[in-house]
Amino acid sequence: MAWVNDILRALRKLDSLMQLEESHAKASRRHDELIAALAERQTRAEVREEIVVAKAEAAAATAASAAASQHVADLARRLGNLEARVAQLEGTRRQPPRLPPPE
């Protein structure tokens, strides 16, 4: 009868190993799903980052353009005033063409 106990013990071990293999397979599938989800989130984050960088570059270009045009308009106005003063000092009545006032 000892051999029956040995067979039952072997069957229990085999059942235990089968359960362990099944739980390992479930964990492996879950791990694969998590890796896929993380890869998708990373891709989305990279796309969002590219959009943010593009918007920041556009905003910087707009700000630089506005600053440069403001300084050019200011310089043109000042140059026009200086030309008018020079013309006045020279005694000529001819006014140089002027730019419209800045808005």
C-alpha atoms as a PDB file:
ATOM      1  CA  MET A   1       0.000   0.000   0.000  1.00  0.00           C
ATOM      2  CA  ALA A   2       2.970   2.342   0.311  1.00  0.00           C
ATOM      3  CA  TRP A   3       3.175   2.575  -3.438  1.00  0.00           C
ATOM      4  CA  VAL A   4      -0.385   4.045  -3.521  1.00  0.00           C
ATOM      5  CA  ASN A   5       0.732   6.819  -1.158  1.00  0.00           C
ATOM      6  CA  ASP A   6       3.732   7.464  -3.395  1.00  0.00           C
ATOM      7  CA  ILE A   7       1.484   7.705  -6.441  1.00  0.00           C
ATOM      8  CA  LEU A   8      -0.940  10.038  -4.637  1.00  0.00           C
ATOM      9  CA  ARG A   9       1.959  12.229  -3.464  1.00  0.00           C
ATOM     10  CA  ALA A  10       3.294  12.359  -7.025  1.00  0.00           C
ATOM     11  CA  LEU A  11      -0.152  13.295  -8.336  1.00  0.00           C
ATOM     12  CA  ARG A  12      -0.449  16.065  -5.733  1.00  0.00           C
ATOM     13  CA  LYS A  13       2.978  17.386  -6.754  1.00  0.00           C
ATOM     14  CA  LEU A  14       1.960  17.238 -10.405  1.00  0.00           C
ATOM     15  CA  ASP A  15      -1.290  19.098  -9.632  1.00  0.00           C
ATOM     16  CA  SER A  16       0.658  21.691  -7.664  1.00  0.00           C
ATOM     17  CA  LEU A  17       3.072  22.164 -10.575  1.00  0.00           C
ATOM     18  CA  MET A  18       0.185  22.522 -13.033  1.00  0.00           C
ATOM     19  CA  GLN A  19      -1.446  25.192 -10.842  1.00  0.00           C
ATOM     20  CA  LEU A  20       1.875  26.990 -10.550  1.00  0.00           C
ATOM     21  CA  GLU A  21       2.324  26.898 -14.331  1.00  0.00           C
ATOM     22  CA  GLU A  22      -1.202  28.256 -14.835  1.00  0.00           C
ATOM     23  CA  SER A  23      -0.643  31.132 -12.409  1.00  0.00           C
ATOM     24  CA  HIS A  24       2.695  31.862 -14.094  1.00  0.00           C
ATOM     25  CA  ALA A  25       0.989  32.000 -17.492  1.00  0.00           C
ATOM     26  CA  LYS A  26      -1.635  34.434 -16.124  1.00  0.00           C
ATOM     27  CA  ALA A  27       1.064  36.623 -14.608  1.00  0.00           C
ATOM     28  CA  SER A  28       3.022  36.563 -17.855  1.00  0.00           C
ATOM     29  CA  ARG A  29      -0.049  37.652 -19.858  1.00  0.00           C
ATOM     30  CA  ARG A  30      -0.727  40.455 -17.365  1.00  0.00           C
ATOM     31  CA  HIS A  31       2.891  41.542 -17.592  1.00  0.00           C
ATOM     32  CA  ASP A  32       2.667  41.674 -21.389  1.00  0.00           C
ATOM     33  CA  GLU A  33      -0.546  43.728 -21.176  1.00  0.00           C
ATOM     34  CA  LEU A  34       1.090  46.189 -18.776  1.00  0.00           C
ATOM     35  CA  ILE A  35       4.140  46.554 -21.013  1.00  0.00           C
ATOM     36  CA  ALA A  36       1.896  47.241 -24.026  1.00  0.00           C
ATOM     37  CA  ALA A  37      -0.110  49.819 -22.053  1.00  0.00           C
ATOM     38  CA  LEU A  38       3.055  51.558 -20.885  1.00  0.00           C
ATOM     39  CA  ALA A  39       4.413  51.650 -24.436  1.00  0.00           C
ATOM     40  CA  GLU A  40       1.176  53.238 -25.644  1.00  0.00           C
ATOM     41  CA  ARG A  41       1.252  55.836 -22.853  1.00  0.00           C
ATOM     42  CA  GLN A  42       4.865  56.655 -23.650  1.00  0.00           C
ATOM     43  CA  THR A  43       4.012  57.150 -27.328  1.00  0.00           C
ATOM     44  CA  ARG A  44       1.135  59.469 -26.421  1.00  0.00           C
ATOM     45  CA  ALA A  45       3.371  61.442 -24.058  1.00  0.00           C
ATOM     46  CA  GLU A  46       6.016  61.839 -26.766  1.00  0.00           C
ATOM     47  CA  VAL A  47       3.392  63.110 -29.229  1.00  0.00           C
ATOM     48  CA  ARG A  48       2.085  65.586 -26.672  1.00  0.00           C
ATOM     49  CA  GLU A  49       5.636  66.718 -25.962  1.00  0.00           C
ATOM     50  CA  GLU A  50       6.210  67.383 -29.662  1.00  0.00           C
ATOM     51  CA  ILE A  51       2.996  69.424 -29.811  1.00  0.00           C
ATOM     52  CA  VAL A  52       4.007  71.475 -26.766  1.00  0.00           C
ATOM     53  CA  VAL A  53       7.466  72.134 -28.253  1.00  0.00           C
ATOM     54  CA  ALA A  54       5.933  73.232 -31.566  1.00  0.00           C
ATOM     55  CA  LYS A  55       3.537  75.588 -29.776  1.00  0.00           C
ATOM     56  CA  ALA A  56       6.356  77.026 -27.657  1.00  0.00           C
ATOM     57  CA  GLU A  57       8.489  77.634 -30.752  1.00  0.00           C
ATOM     58  CA  ALA A  58       5.572  79.359 -32.487  1.00  0.00           C
ATOM     59  CA  ALA A  59       4.911  81.539 -29.442  1.00  0.00           C
ATOM     60  CA  ALA A  60       8.587  82.487 -29.196  1.00  0.00           C
ATOM     61  CA  ALA A  61       8.726  83.372 -32.893  1.00  0.00           C
ATOM     62  CA  THR A  62       5.581  85.499 -32.556  1.00  0.00           C
ATOM     63  CA  ALA A  63       6.957  87.307 -29.514  1.00  0.00           C
ATOM     64  CA  ALA A  64      10.304  87.929 -31.204  1.00  0.00           C
ATOM     65  CA  SER A  65       8.583  89.242 -34.318  1.00  0.00           C
ATOM     66  CA  ALA A  66       6.364  91.562 -32.285  1.00  0.00           C
ATOM     67  CA  ALA A  67       9.316  92.882 -30.298  1.00  0.00           C
ATOM     68  CA  ALA A  68      11.384  93.459 -33.419  1.00  0.00           C
ATOM     69  CA  SER A  69       8.577  95.226 -35.279  1.00  0.00           C
ATOM     70  CA  GLN A  70       7.880  97.455 -32.283  1.00  0.00           C
ATOM     71  CA  HIS A  71      11.526  98.518 -32.141  1.00  0.00           C
ATOM     72  CA  VAL A  72      11.650  99.144 -35.893  1.00  0.00           C
ATOM     73  CA  ALA A  73       8.511 101.278 -35.717  1.00  0.00           C
ATOM     74  CA  ASP A  74       9.949 103.225 -32.790  1.00  0.00           C
ATOM     75  CA  LEU A  75      13.226 103.788 -34.636  1.00  0.00           C
ATOM     76  CA  ALA A  76      11.382 104.908 -37.776  1.00  0.00           C
ATOM     77  CA  ARG A  77       9.322 107.390 -35.746  1.00  0.00           C
ATOM     78  CA  ARG A  78      12.402 108.798 -34.050  1.00  0.00           C
ATOM     79  CA  LEU A  79      14.266 109.036 -37.348  1.00  0.00           C
ATOM     80  CA  GLY A  80      11.306 110.886 -38.850  1.00  0.00           C
ATOM     81  CA  ASN A  81      11.336 113.349 -35.950  1.00  0.00           C
ATOM     82  CA  LEU A  82      15.080 113.899 -36.384  1.00  0.00           C
ATOM     83  CA  GLU A  83      14.650 114.486 -40.125  1.00  0.00           C
ATOM     84  CA  ALA A  84      11.908 117.015 -39.405  1.00  0.00           C
ATOM     85  CA  ARG A  85      14.138 118.850 -36.929  1.00  0.00           C
ATOM     86  CA  VAL A  86      17.043 118.894 -39.398  1.00  0.00           C
ATOM     87  CA  ALA A  87      14.748 120.253 -42.095  1.00  0.00           C
ATOM     88  CA  GLN A  88      13.488 122.902 -39.686  1.00  0.00           C
ATOM     89  CA  LEU A  89      17.018 123.911 -38.729  1.00  0.00           C
ATOM     90  CA  GLU A  90      18.035 124.123 -42.372  1.00  0.00           C
ATOM     91  CA  GLY A  91      15.115 126.445 -42.977  1.00  0.00           C
ATOM     92  CA  THR A  92      13.399 124.359 -45.586  1.00  0.00           C
ATOM     93  CA  ARG A  93       9.674 123.995 -45.553  1.00  0.00           C
ATOM     94  CA  ARG A  94       9.728 120.617 -47.225  1.00  0.00           C
ATOM     95  CA  GLN A  95       8.718 117.941 -44.762  1.00  0.00           C
ATOM     96  CA  PRO A  96      10.147 114.472 -45.328  1.00  0.00           C
ATOM     97  CA  PRO A  97       7.590 111.726 -45.766  1.00  0.00           C
ATOM     98  CA  ARG A  98       6.475 110.402 -42.413  1.00  0.00           C
ATOM     99  CA  LEU A  99       5.251 107.083 -41.230  1.00  0.00           C
ATOM    100  CA  PRO A 100       1.796 106.887 -39.706  1.00  0.00           C
ATOM    101  CA  PRO A 101       1.773 107.077 -35.914  1.00  0.00           C
ATOM    102  CA  PRO A 102       2.232 103.772 -34.137  1.00  0.00           C
ATOM    103  CA  GLU A 103      -0.943 102.110 -32.917  1.00  0.00           C
END
